[in-house]
Amino acid sequence: MATLEVQRVSKAFVTPAGQVMPVLKEISFSARSGEFLAIVGPSGCGKTSLLRILDGLIAADGGAIRLDGRAVAAPGPDRGFVFQSDSLLPWRTVSDNIGFGLEIQKRDRA
């Protein structure tokens, strides 16, 4: 049974003016396979940053994320991420965009 553990995860960004803007402050929770989890809040509160950290797309400044006991530090073949807005690569065909994940994993399309 898959278990996601998030322990004291923090993240801050630096504005162009050099100001440190904290978006996540020691977030902790766990979720097991079959459970539902809702991440809600107003625009700009850090929901997308948290999801990007959970998938390994960006690094947390502090804390730990574990999936089935293994640290999550980069995107992996056992996880997926659906972006909020379209993320097609405009220089690729529809078919090439669909097959891009397989290409990254060096797998045949067949």
PDB file of N, CA and C in Angstrom:
ATOM      1  N   MET A   1       0.851  -1.179   0.000  1.00  0.00           N
ATOM      2  CA  MET A   1       0.000   0.000   0.000  1.00  0.00           C
ATOM      3  C   MET A   1       0.898   1.244   0.000  1.00  0.00           C
ATOM      4  N   ALA A   2       0.699   2.131  -0.970  1.00  0.00           N
ATOM      5  CA  ALA A   2       1.524   3.337  -1.126  1.00  0.00           C
ATOM      6  C   ALA A   2       1.247   4.332  -0.003  1.00  0.00           C
ATOM      7  N   THR A   3       2.307   4.927   0.494  1.00  0.00           N
ATOM      8  CA  THR A   3       2.189   5.946   1.525  1.00  0.00           C
ATOM      9  C   THR A   3       3.039   7.149   1.145  1.00  0.00           C
ATOM     10  N   LEU A   4       2.419   8.323   1.225  1.00  0.00           N
ATOM     11  CA  LEU A   4       3.114   9.583   0.995  1.00  0.00           C
ATOM     12  C   LEU A   4       3.287  10.260   2.346  1.00  0.00           C
ATOM     13  N   GLU A   5       4.513  10.605   2.684  1.00  0.00           N
ATOM     14  CA  GLU A   5       4.799  11.298   3.938  1.00  0.00           C
ATOM     15  C   GLU A   5       5.481  12.629   3.633  1.00  0.00           C
ATOM     16  N   VAL A   6       4.903  13.692   4.134  1.00  0.00           N
ATOM     17  CA  VAL A   6       5.463  15.035   3.981  1.00  0.00           C
ATOM     18  C   VAL A   6       5.784  15.536   5.382  1.00  0.00           C
ATOM     19  N   GLN A   7       7.047  15.857   5.620  1.00  0.00           N
ATOM     20  CA  GLN A   7       7.490  16.242   6.962  1.00  0.00           C
ATOM     21  C   GLN A   7       8.182  17.598   6.940  1.00  0.00           C
ATOM     22  N   ARG A   8       7.535  18.576   7.519  1.00  0.00           N
ATOM     23  CA  ARG A   8       8.092  19.918   7.754  1.00  0.00           C
ATOM     24  C   ARG A   8       8.676  20.556   6.487  1.00  0.00           C
ATOM     25  N   VAL A   9       7.926  20.469   5.398  1.00  0.00           N
ATOM     26  CA  VAL A   9       8.389  21.013   4.116  1.00  0.00           C
ATOM     27  C   VAL A   9       8.221  22.528   4.097  1.00  0.00           C
ATOM     28  N   SER A  10       9.275  23.217   3.694  1.00  0.00           N
ATOM     29  CA  SER A  10       9.272  24.675   3.582  1.00  0.00           C
ATOM     30  C   SER A  10       9.801  25.079   2.214  1.00  0.00           C
ATOM     31  N   LYS A  11       9.301  26.227   1.729  1.00  0.00           N
ATOM     32  CA  LYS A  11       9.777  26.763   0.455  1.00  0.00           C
ATOM     33  C   LYS A  11       9.599  28.273   0.468  1.00  0.00           C
ATOM     34  N   ALA A  12      10.613  28.964  -0.035  1.00  0.00           N
ATOM     35  CA  ALA A  12      10.545  30.420  -0.203  1.00  0.00           C
ATOM     36  C   ALA A  12      11.121  30.760  -1.567  1.00  0.00           C
ATOM     37  N   PHE A  13      10.632  31.845  -2.119  1.00  0.00           N
ATOM     38  CA  PHE A  13      11.146  32.358  -3.390  1.00  0.00           C
ATOM     39  C   PHE A  13      11.710  33.748  -3.155  1.00  0.00           C
ATOM     40  N   VAL A  14      12.628  34.151  -4.003  1.00  0.00           N
ATOM     41  CA  VAL A  14      13.203  35.496  -3.916  1.00  0.00           C
ATOM     42  C   VAL A  14      12.618  36.330  -5.050  1.00  0.00           C
ATOM     43  N   THR A  15      12.049  37.471  -4.699  1.00  0.00           N
ATOM     44  CA  THR A  15      11.465  38.361  -5.706  1.00  0.00           C
ATOM     45  C   THR A  15      12.575  39.035  -6.502  1.00  0.00           C
ATOM     46  N   PRO A  16      12.247  39.629  -7.647  1.00  0.00           N
ATOM     47  CA  PRO A  16      13.267  40.358  -8.415  1.00  0.00           C
ATOM     48  C   PRO A  16      13.926  41.483  -7.614  1.00  0.00           C
ATOM     49  N   ALA A  17      13.207  41.989  -6.616  1.00  0.00           N
ATOM     50  CA  ALA A  17      13.761  43.052  -5.767  1.00  0.00           C
ATOM     51  C   ALA A  17      14.655  42.494  -4.658  1.00  0.00           C
ATOM     52  N   GLY A  18      14.781  41.154  -4.595  1.00  0.00           N
ATOM     53  CA  GLY A  18      15.639  40.541  -3.589  1.00  0.00           C
ATOM     54  C   GLY A  18      14.945  40.209  -2.283  1.00  0.00           C
ATOM     55  N   GLN A  19      13.646  40.394  -2.216  1.00  0.00           N
ATOM     56  CA  GLN A  19      12.880  40.099  -1.003  1.00  0.00           C
ATOM     57  C   GLN A  19      12.567  38.607  -0.938  1.00  0.00           C
ATOM     58  N   VAL A  20      12.774  37.991   0.219  1.00  0.00           N
ATOM     59  CA  VAL A  20      12.455  36.576   0.406  1.00  0.00           C
ATOM     60  C   VAL A  20      10.958  36.452   0.696  1.00  0.00           C
ATOM     61  N   MET A  21      10.276  35.623  -0.111  1.00  0.00           N
ATOM     62  CA  MET A  21       8.835  35.438   0.015  1.00  0.00           C
ATOM     63  C   MET A  21       8.543  33.989   0.399  1.00  0.00           C
ATOM     64  N   PRO A  22       8.321  33.704   1.696  1.00  0.00           N
ATOM     65  CA  PRO A  22       7.998  32.326   2.088  1.00  0.00           C
ATOM     66  C   PRO A  22       6.611  31.935   1.586  1.00  0.00           C
ATOM     67  N   VAL A  23       6.493  30.730   1.008  1.00  0.00           N
ATOM     68  CA  VAL A  23       5.194  30.257   0.529  1.00  0.00           C
ATOM     69  C   VAL A  23       4.721  29.000   1.263  1.00  0.00           C
ATOM     70  N   LEU A  24       5.647  28.222   1.783  1.00  0.00           N
ATOM     71  CA  LEU A  24       5.308  27.041   2.576  1.00  0.00           C
ATOM     72  C   LEU A  24       6.141  27.060   3.844  1.00  0.00           C
ATOM     73  N   LYS A  25       5.492  26.868   4.982  1.00  0.00           N
ATOM     74  CA  LYS A  25       6.201  26.890   6.254  1.00  0.00           C
ATOM     75  C   LYS A  25       5.925  25.605   7.030  1.00  0.00           C
ATOM     76  N   GLU A  26       6.878  24.697   6.984  1.00  0.00           N
ATOM     77  CA  GLU A  26       6.844  23.446   7.737  1.00  0.00           C
ATOM     78  C   GLU A  26       5.523  22.691   7.597  1.00  0.00           C
ATOM     79  N   ILE A  27       5.161  22.389   6.357  1.00  0.00           N
ATOM     80  CA  ILE A  27       3.945  21.636   6.043  1.00  0.00           C
ATOM     81  C   ILE A  27       4.199  20.155   6.315  1.00  0.00           C
ATOM     82  N   SER A  28       3.294  19.520   7.055  1.00  0.00           N
ATOM     83  CA  SER A  28       3.412  18.088   7.344  1.00  0.00           C
ATOM     84  C   SER A  28       2.058  17.407   7.183  1.00  0.00           C
ATOM     85  N   PHE A  29       2.054  16.248   6.545  1.00  0.00           N
ATOM     86  CA  PHE A  29       0.864  15.401   6.455  1.00  0.00           C
ATOM     87  C   PHE A  29       1.293  14.056   5.883  1.00  0.00           C
ATOM     88  N   SER A  30       0.392  13.089   5.949  1.00  0.00           N
ATOM     89  CA  SER A  30       0.635  11.802   5.302  1.00  0.00           C
ATOM     90  C   SER A  30      -0.664  11.355   4.650  1.00  0.00           C
ATOM     91  N   ALA A  31      -0.529  10.539   3.627  1.00  0.00           N
ATOM     92  CA  ALA A  31      -1.680   9.995   2.911  1.00  0.00           C
ATOM     93  C   ALA A  31      -1.341   8.585   2.449  1.00  0.00           C
ATOM     94  N   ARG A  32      -2.316   7.698   2.557  1.00  0.00           N
ATOM     95  CA  ARG A  32      -2.125   6.316   2.116  1.00  0.00           C
ATOM     96  C   ARG A  32      -2.960   6.026   0.881  1.00  0.00           C
ATOM     97  N   SER A  33      -2.602   4.992   0.197  1.00  0.00           N
ATOM     98  CA  SER A  33      -3.336   4.565  -0.987  1.00  0.00           C
ATOM     99  C   SER A  33      -4.810   4.416  -0.642  1.00  0.00           C
ATOM    100  N   GLY A  34      -5.679   4.968  -1.492  1.00  0.00           N
ATOM    101  CA  GLY A  34      -7.116   4.883  -1.261  1.00  0.00           C
ATOM    102  C   GLY A  34      -7.696   6.075  -0.524  1.00  0.00           C
ATOM    103  N   GLU A  35      -6.856   6.884   0.093  1.00  0.00           N
ATOM    104  CA  GLU A  35      -7.334   8.080   0.789  1.00  0.00           C
ATOM    105  C   GLU A  35      -7.440   9.241  -0.197  1.00  0.00           C
ATOM    106  N   PHE A  36      -8.332  10.166   0.098  1.00  0.00           N
ATOM    107  CA  PHE A  36      -8.470  11.376  -0.694  1.00  0.00           C
ATOM    108  C   PHE A  36      -7.888  12.532   0.097  1.00  0.00           C
ATOM    109  N   LEU A  37      -7.208  13.418  -0.593  1.00  0.00           N
ATOM    110  CA  LEU A  37      -6.577  14.568   0.040  1.00  0.00           C
ATOM    111  C   LEU A  37      -6.894  15.791  -0.794  1.00  0.00           C
ATOM    112  N   ALA A  38      -7.367  16.849  -0.165  1.00  0.00           N
ATOM    113  CA  ALA A  38      -7.665  18.102  -0.874  1.00  0.00           C
ATOM    114  C   ALA A  38      -6.692  19.175  -0.407  1.00  0.00           C
ATOM    115  N   ILE A  39      -6.096  19.848  -1.360  1.00  0.00           N
ATOM    116  CA  ILE A  39      -5.208  20.973  -1.057  1.00  0.00           C
ATOM    117  C   ILE A  39      -5.928  22.218  -1.548  1.00  0.00           C
ATOM    118  N   VAL A  40      -6.415  23.018  -0.621  1.00  0.00           N
ATOM    119  CA  VAL A  40      -7.229  24.182  -0.970  1.00  0.00           C
ATOM    120  C   VAL A  40      -6.641  25.448  -0.354  1.00  0.00           C
ATOM    121  N   GLY A  41      -6.966  26.566  -0.965  1.00  0.00           N
ATOM    122  CA  GLY A  41      -6.525  27.858  -0.448  1.00  0.00           C
ATOM    123  C   GLY A  41      -6.626  28.907  -1.529  1.00  0.00           C
ATOM    124  N   PRO A  42      -6.459  30.145  -1.145  1.00  0.00           N
ATOM    125  CA  PRO A  42      -6.568  31.234  -2.118  1.00  0.00           C
ATOM    126  C   PRO A  42      -5.397  31.229  -3.109  1.00  0.00           C
ATOM    127  N   SER A  43      -5.588  31.942  -4.190  1.00  0.00           N
ATOM    128  CA  SER A  43      -4.552  32.071  -5.210  1.00  0.00           C
ATOM    129  C   SER A  43      -3.262  32.605  -4.583  1.00  0.00           C
ATOM    130  N   GLY A  44      -2.142  31.972  -4.936  1.00  0.00           N
ATOM    131  CA  GLY A  44      -0.845  32.445  -4.465  1.00  0.00           C
ATOM    132  C   GLY A  44      -0.421  31.953  -3.096  1.00  0.00           C
ATOM    133  N   CYS A  45      -1.162  30.998  -2.517  1.00  0.00           N
ATOM    134  CA  CYS A  45      -0.824  30.561  -1.160  1.00  0.00           C
ATOM    135  C   CYS A  45       0.178  29.408  -1.119  1.00  0.00           C
ATOM    136  N   GLY A  46       0.565  28.842  -2.291  1.00  0.00           N
ATOM    137  CA  GLY A  46       1.582  27.797  -2.305  1.00  0.00           C
ATOM    138  C   GLY A  46       1.104  26.417  -2.716  1.00  0.00           C
ATOM    139  N   LYS A  47      -0.154  26.287  -3.147  1.00  0.00           N
ATOM    140  CA  LYS A  47      -0.671  24.962  -3.545  1.00  0.00           C
ATOM    141  C   LYS A  47       0.138  24.356  -4.686  1.00  0.00           C
ATOM    142  N   THR A  48       0.343  25.122  -5.736  1.00  0.00           N
ATOM    143  CA  THR A  48       1.092  24.603  -6.890  1.00  0.00           C
ATOM    144  C   THR A  48       2.545  24.343  -6.520  1.00  0.00           C
ATOM    145  N   SER A  49       3.129  25.201  -5.708  1.00  0.00           N
ATOM    146  CA  SER A  49       4.514  24.969  -5.261  1.00  0.00           C
ATOM    147  C   SER A  49       4.611  23.653  -4.500  1.00  0.00           C
ATOM    148  N   LEU A  50       3.641  23.380  -3.627  1.00  0.00           N
ATOM    149  CA  LEU A  50       3.643  22.123  -2.884  1.00  0.00           C
ATOM    150  C   LEU A  50       3.539  20.937  -3.843  1.00  0.00           C
ATOM    151  N   LEU A  51       2.635  20.999  -4.809  1.00  0.00           N
ATOM    152  CA  LEU A  51       2.494  19.893  -5.755  1.00  0.00           C
ATOM    153  C   LEU A  51       3.759  19.689  -6.585  1.00  0.00           C
ATOM    154  N   ARG A  52       4.402  20.770  -6.976  1.00  0.00           N
ATOM    155  CA  ARG A  52       5.651  20.649  -7.742  1.00  0.00           C
ATOM    156  C   ARG A  52       6.760  20.036  -6.883  1.00  0.00           C
ATOM    157  N   ILE A  53       6.770  20.346  -5.606  1.00  0.00           N
ATOM    158  CA  ILE A  53       7.746  19.737  -4.689  1.00  0.00           C
ATOM    159  C   ILE A  53       7.432  18.248  -4.520  1.00  0.00           C
ATOM    160  N   LEU A  54       6.144  17.909  -4.372  1.00  0.00           N
ATOM    161  CA  LEU A  54       5.758  16.509  -4.201  1.00  0.00           C
ATOM    162  C   LEU A  54       6.159  15.656  -5.393  1.00  0.00           C
ATOM    163  N   ASP A  55       6.134  16.241  -6.586  1.00  0.00           N
ATOM    164  CA  ASP A  55       6.511  15.493  -7.781  1.00  0.00           C
ATOM    165  C   ASP A  55       8.004  15.571  -8.082  1.00  0.00           C
ATOM    166  N   GLY A  56       8.734  16.393  -7.334  1.00  0.00           N
ATOM    167  CA  GLY A  56      10.167  16.515  -7.561  1.00  0.00           C
ATOM    168  C   GLY A  56      10.536  17.501  -8.652  1.00  0.00           C
ATOM    169  N   LEU A  57       9.577  18.324  -9.104  1.00  0.00           N
ATOM    170  CA  LEU A  57       9.867  19.299 -10.151  1.00  0.00           C
ATOM    171  C   LEU A  57      10.671  20.481  -9.623  1.00  0.00           C
ATOM    172  N   ILE A  58      10.450  20.838  -8.361  1.00  0.00           N
ATOM    173  CA  ILE A  58      11.280  21.853  -7.695  1.00  0.00           C
ATOM    174  C   ILE A  58      11.684  21.312  -6.339  1.00  0.00           C
ATOM    175  N   ALA A  59      12.760  21.821  -5.804  1.00  0.00           N
ATOM    176  CA  ALA A  59      13.264  21.347  -4.510  1.00  0.00           C
ATOM    177  C   ALA A  59      12.683  22.168  -3.370  1.00  0.00           C
ATOM    178  N   ALA A  60      12.420  21.501  -2.273  1.00  0.00           N
ATOM    179  CA  ALA A  60      12.015  22.198  -1.049  1.00  0.00           C
ATOM    180  C   ALA A  60      13.253  22.824  -0.420  1.00  0.00           C
ATOM    181  N   ASP A  61      13.054  23.884   0.333  1.00  0.00           N
ATOM    182  CA  ASP A  61      14.168  24.499   1.061  1.00  0.00           C
ATOM    183  C   ASP A  61      14.480  23.728   2.336  1.00  0.00           C
ATOM    184  N   GLY A  62      13.491  23.011   2.846  1.00  0.00           N
ATOM    185  CA  GLY A  62      13.680  22.235   4.058  1.00  0.00           C
ATOM    186  C   GLY A  62      12.612  21.173   4.169  1.00  0.00           C
ATOM    187  N   GLY A  63      12.830  20.199   5.018  1.00  0.00           N
ATOM    188  CA  GLY A  63      11.871  19.136   5.220  1.00  0.00           C
ATOM    189  C   GLY A  63      12.172  17.927   4.359  1.00  0.00           C
ATOM    190  N   ALA A  64      11.242  16.967   4.383  1.00  0.00           N
ATOM    191  CA  ALA A  64      11.451  15.716   3.659  1.00  0.00           C
ATOM    192  C   ALA A  64      10.136  15.221   3.075  1.00  0.00           C
ATOM    193  N   ILE A  65      10.236  14.576   1.924  1.00  0.00           N
ATOM    194  CA  ILE A  65       9.091  13.937   1.277  1.00  0.00           C
ATOM    195  C   ILE A  65       9.491  12.509   0.975  1.00  0.00           C
ATOM    196  N   ARG A  66       8.644  11.584   1.370  1.00  0.00           N
ATOM    197  CA  ARG A  66       8.914  10.176   1.127  1.00  0.00           C
ATOM    198  C   ARG A  66       7.686   9.521   0.515  1.00  0.00           C
ATOM    199  N   LEU A  67       7.928   8.720  -0.505  1.00  0.00           N
ATOM    200  CA  LEU A  67       6.895   7.919  -1.130  1.00  0.00           C
ATOM    201  C   LEU A  67       7.294   6.475  -0.944  1.00  0.00           C
ATOM    202  N   ASP A  68       6.505   5.736  -0.199  1.00  0.00           N
ATOM    203  CA  ASP A  68       6.829   4.344   0.155  1.00  0.00           C
ATOM    204  C   ASP A  68       8.200   4.237   0.803  1.00  0.00           C
ATOM    205  N   GLY A  69       8.535   5.223   1.629  1.00  0.00           N
ATOM    206  CA  GLY A  69       9.791   5.204   2.363  1.00  0.00           C
ATOM    207  C   GLY A  69      11.000   5.719   1.609  1.00  0.00           C
ATOM    208  N   ARG A  70      10.842   6.004   0.307  1.00  0.00           N
ATOM    209  CA  ARG A  70      11.952   6.509  -0.505  1.00  0.00           C
ATOM    210  C   ARG A  70      11.838   8.022  -0.648  1.00  0.00           C
ATOM    211  N   ALA A  71      12.968   8.705  -0.531  1.00  0.00           N
ATOM    212  CA  ALA A  71      12.983  10.158  -0.661  1.00  0.00           C
ATOM    213  C   ALA A  71      12.602  10.571  -2.078  1.00  0.00           C
ATOM    214  N   VAL A  72      11.795  11.630  -2.184  1.00  0.00           N
ATOM    215  CA  VAL A  72      11.425  12.204  -3.478  1.00  0.00           C
ATOM    216  C   VAL A  72      12.284  13.442  -3.681  1.00  0.00           C
ATOM    217  N   ALA A  73      13.156  13.409  -4.683  1.00  0.00           N
ATOM    218  CA  ALA A  73      14.036  14.551  -4.940  1.00  0.00           C
ATOM    219  C   ALA A  73      14.018  14.979  -6.400  1.00  0.00           C
ATOM    220  N   ALA A  74      13.397  14.171  -7.258  1.00  0.00           N
ATOM    221  CA  ALA A  74      13.344  14.462  -8.696  1.00  0.00           C
ATOM    222  C   ALA A  74      12.123  13.754  -9.272  1.00  0.00           C
ATOM    223  N   PRO A  75      11.661  14.169 -10.439  1.00  0.00           N
ATOM    224  CA  PRO A  75      10.550  13.450 -11.069  1.00  0.00           C
ATOM    225  C   PRO A  75      10.922  11.992 -11.289  1.00  0.00           C
ATOM    226  N   GLY A  76       9.938  11.111 -11.213  1.00  0.00           N
ATOM    227  CA  GLY A  76      10.209   9.692 -11.400  1.00  0.00           C
ATOM    228  C   GLY A  76       9.133   9.020 -12.221  1.00  0.00           C
ATOM    229  N   PRO A  77       9.412   7.848 -12.725  1.00  0.00           N
ATOM    230  CA  PRO A  77       8.447   7.135 -13.578  1.00  0.00           C
ATOM    231  C   PRO A  77       7.235   6.618 -12.804  1.00  0.00           C
ATOM    232  N   ASP A  78       7.301   6.641 -11.482  1.00  0.00           N
ATOM    233  CA  ASP A  78       6.189   6.156 -10.664  1.00  0.00           C
ATOM    234  C   ASP A  78       5.195   7.246 -10.293  1.00  0.00           C
ATOM    235  N   ARG A  79       5.398   8.466 -10.820  1.00  0.00           N
ATOM    236  CA  ARG A  79       4.523   9.603 -10.497  1.00  0.00           C
ATOM    237  C   ARG A  79       4.180  10.366 -11.757  1.00  0.00           C
ATOM    238  N   GLY A  80       3.063  11.064 -11.715  1.00  0.00           N
ATOM    239  CA  GLY A  80       2.665  11.894 -12.848  1.00  0.00           C
ATOM    240  C   GLY A  80       2.189  13.245 -12.363  1.00  0.00           C
ATOM    241  N   PHE A  81       2.137  14.172 -13.275  1.00  0.00           N
ATOM    242  CA  PHE A  81       1.744  15.536 -12.929  1.00  0.00           C
ATOM    243  C   PHE A  81       0.946  16.099 -14.094  1.00  0.00           C
ATOM    244  N   VAL A  82      -0.258  16.572 -13.822  1.00  0.00           N
ATOM    245  CA  VAL A  82      -1.080  17.209 -14.845  1.00  0.00           C
ATOM    246  C   VAL A  82      -1.039  18.701 -14.580  1.00  0.00           C
ATOM    247  N   PHE A  83      -0.520  19.459 -15.538  1.00  0.00           N
ATOM    248  CA  PHE A  83      -0.354  20.892 -15.351  1.00  0.00           C
ATOM    249  C   PHE A  83      -1.695  21.617 -15.425  1.00  0.00           C
ATOM    250  N   GLN A  84      -1.779  22.725 -14.729  1.00  0.00           N
ATOM    251  CA  GLN A  84      -2.992  23.523 -14.672  1.00  0.00           C
ATOM    252  C   GLN A  84      -3.359  24.095 -16.044  1.00  0.00           C
ATOM    253  N   SER A  85      -2.382  24.545 -16.778  1.00  0.00           N
ATOM    254  CA  SER A  85      -2.625  25.050 -18.129  1.00  0.00           C
ATOM    255  C   SER A  85      -1.911  24.127 -19.117  1.00  0.00           C
ATOM    256  N   ASP A  86      -2.277  24.264 -20.394  1.00  0.00           N
ATOM    257  CA  ASP A  86      -1.660  23.366 -21.362  1.00  0.00           C
ATOM    258  C   ASP A  86      -0.141  23.540 -21.365  1.00  0.00           C
ATOM    259  N   SER A  87       0.516  22.448 -21.559  1.00  0.00           N
ATOM    260  CA  SER A  87       1.982  22.443 -21.545  1.00  0.00           C
ATOM    261  C   SER A  87       2.528  21.721 -22.766  1.00  0.00           C
ATOM    262  N   LEU A  88       1.848  21.891 -23.875  1.00  0.00           N
ATOM    263  CA  LEU A  88       2.325  21.264 -25.103  1.00  0.00           C
ATOM    264  C   LEU A  88       3.577  21.968 -25.604  1.00  0.00           C
ATOM    265  N   LEU A  89       4.423  21.225 -26.217  1.00  0.00           N
ATOM    266  CA  LEU A  89       5.613  21.790 -26.833  1.00  0.00           C
ATOM    267  C   LEU A  89       5.224  22.194 -28.248  1.00  0.00           C
ATOM    268  N   PRO A  90       5.160  23.488 -28.546  1.00  0.00           N
ATOM    269  CA  PRO A  90       4.578  23.959 -29.805  1.00  0.00           C
ATOM    270  C   PRO A  90       5.332  23.505 -31.060  1.00  0.00           C
ATOM    271  N   TRP A  91       6.579  23.120 -30.943  1.00  0.00           N
ATOM    272  CA  TRP A  91       7.335  22.692 -32.118  1.00  0.00           C
ATOM    273  C   TRP A  91       7.131  21.196 -32.406  1.00  0.00           C
ATOM    274  N   ARG A  92       6.357  20.510 -31.563  1.00  0.00           N
ATOM    275  CA  ARG A  92       6.085  19.091 -31.769  1.00  0.00           C
ATOM    276  C   ARG A  92       4.649  18.891 -32.242  1.00  0.00           C
ATOM    277  N   THR A  93       4.430  17.794 -32.948  1.00  0.00           N
ATOM    278  CA  THR A  93       3.067  17.438 -33.347  1.00  0.00           C
ATOM    279  C   THR A  93       2.315  16.919 -32.124  1.00  0.00           C
ATOM    280  N   VAL A  94       0.998  16.744 -32.269  1.00  0.00           N
ATOM    281  CA  VAL A  94       0.198  16.184 -31.171  1.00  0.00           C
ATOM    282  C   VAL A  94       0.730  14.805 -30.791  1.00  0.00           C
ATOM    283  N   SER A  95       0.984  13.988 -31.788  1.00  0.00           N
ATOM    284  CA  SER A  95       1.504  12.646 -31.539  1.00  0.00           C
ATOM    285  C   SER A  95       2.856  12.694 -30.821  1.00  0.00           C
ATOM    286  N   ASP A  96       3.723  13.603 -31.234  1.00  0.00           N
ATOM    287  CA  ASP A  96       5.036  13.727 -30.583  1.00  0.00           C
ATOM    288  C   ASP A  96       4.902  14.206 -29.139  1.00  0.00           C
ATOM    289  N   ASN A  97       3.953  15.103 -28.866  1.00  0.00           N
ATOM    290  CA  ASN A  97       3.716  15.551 -27.498  1.00  0.00           C
ATOM    291  C   ASN A  97       3.226  14.399 -26.635  1.00  0.00           C
ATOM    292  N   ILE A  98       2.326  13.586 -27.175  1.00  0.00           N
ATOM    293  CA  ILE A  98       1.801  12.449 -26.414  1.00  0.00           C
ATOM    294  C   ILE A  98       2.912  11.443 -26.121  1.00  0.00           C
ATOM    295  N   GLY A  99       3.787  11.222 -27.084  1.00  0.00           N
ATOM    296  CA  GLY A  99       4.866  10.242 -26.918  1.00  0.00           C
ATOM    297  C   GLY A  99       6.085  10.751 -26.182  1.00  0.00           C
ATOM    298  N   PHE A 100       6.073  12.021 -25.770  1.00  0.00           N
ATOM    299  CA  PHE A 100       7.246  12.623 -25.145  1.00  0.00           C
ATOM    300  C   PHE A 100       7.667  11.901 -23.859  1.00  0.00           C
ATOM    301  N   GLY A 101       6.691  11.497 -23.049  1.00  0.00           N
ATOM    302  CA  GLY A 101       7.016  10.768 -21.820  1.00  0.00           C
ATOM    303  C   GLY A 101       7.752   9.469 -22.092  1.00  0.00           C
ATOM    304  N   LEU A 102       7.314   8.761 -23.114  1.00  0.00           N
ATOM    305  CA  LEU A 102       7.998   7.519 -23.495  1.00  0.00           C
ATOM    306  C   LEU A 102       9.410   7.809 -23.990  1.00  0.00           C
ATOM    307  N   GLU A 103       9.532   8.892 -24.747  1.00  0.00           N
ATOM    308  CA  GLU A 103      10.849   9.285 -25.272  1.00  0.00           C
ATOM    309  C   GLU A 103      11.830   9.563 -24.135  1.00  0.00           C
ATOM    310  N   ILE A 104      11.373  10.276 -23.132  1.00  0.00           N
ATOM    311  CA  ILE A 104      12.233  10.597 -21.983  1.00  0.00           C
ATOM    312  C   ILE A 104      12.695   9.324 -21.287  1.00  0.00           C
ATOM    313  N   GLN A 105      11.789   8.342 -21.219  1.00  0.00           N
ATOM    314  CA  GLN A 105      12.112   7.075 -20.562  1.00  0.00           C
ATOM    315  C   GLN A 105      12.833   6.097 -21.492  1.00  0.00           C
ATOM    316  N   LYS A 106      13.124   6.566 -22.732  1.00  0.00           N
ATOM    317  CA  LYS A 106      13.816   5.742 -23.722  1.00  0.00           C
ATOM    318  C   LYS A 106      13.066   4.428 -23.994  1.00  0.00           C
ATOM    319  N   ARG A 107      11.728   4.565 -24.155  1.00  0.00           N
ATOM    320  CA  ARG A 107      10.884   3.413 -24.453  1.00  0.00           C
ATOM    321  C   ARG A 107      10.274   3.563 -25.841  1.00  0.00           C
ATOM    322  N   ASP A 108       9.996   2.451 -26.475  1.00  0.00           N
ATOM    323  CA  ASP A 108       9.344   2.450 -27.779  1.00  0.00           C
ATOM    324  C   ASP A 108       7.884   2.845 -27.631  1.00  0.00           C
ATOM    325  N   ARG A 109       7.350   3.472 -28.679  1.00  0.00           N
ATOM    326  CA  ARG A 109       5.931   3.850 -28.678  1.00  0.00           C
ATOM    327  C   ARG A 109       5.011   2.657 -28.889  1.00  0.00           C
ATOM    328  N   ALA A 110       5.511   1.607 -29.473  1.00  0.00           N
ATOM    329  CA  ALA A 110       4.663   0.452 -29.835  1.00  0.00           C
ATOM    330  C   ALA A 110       4.130  -0.269 -28.626  1.00  0.00           C
TER     331      ALA A 110
END
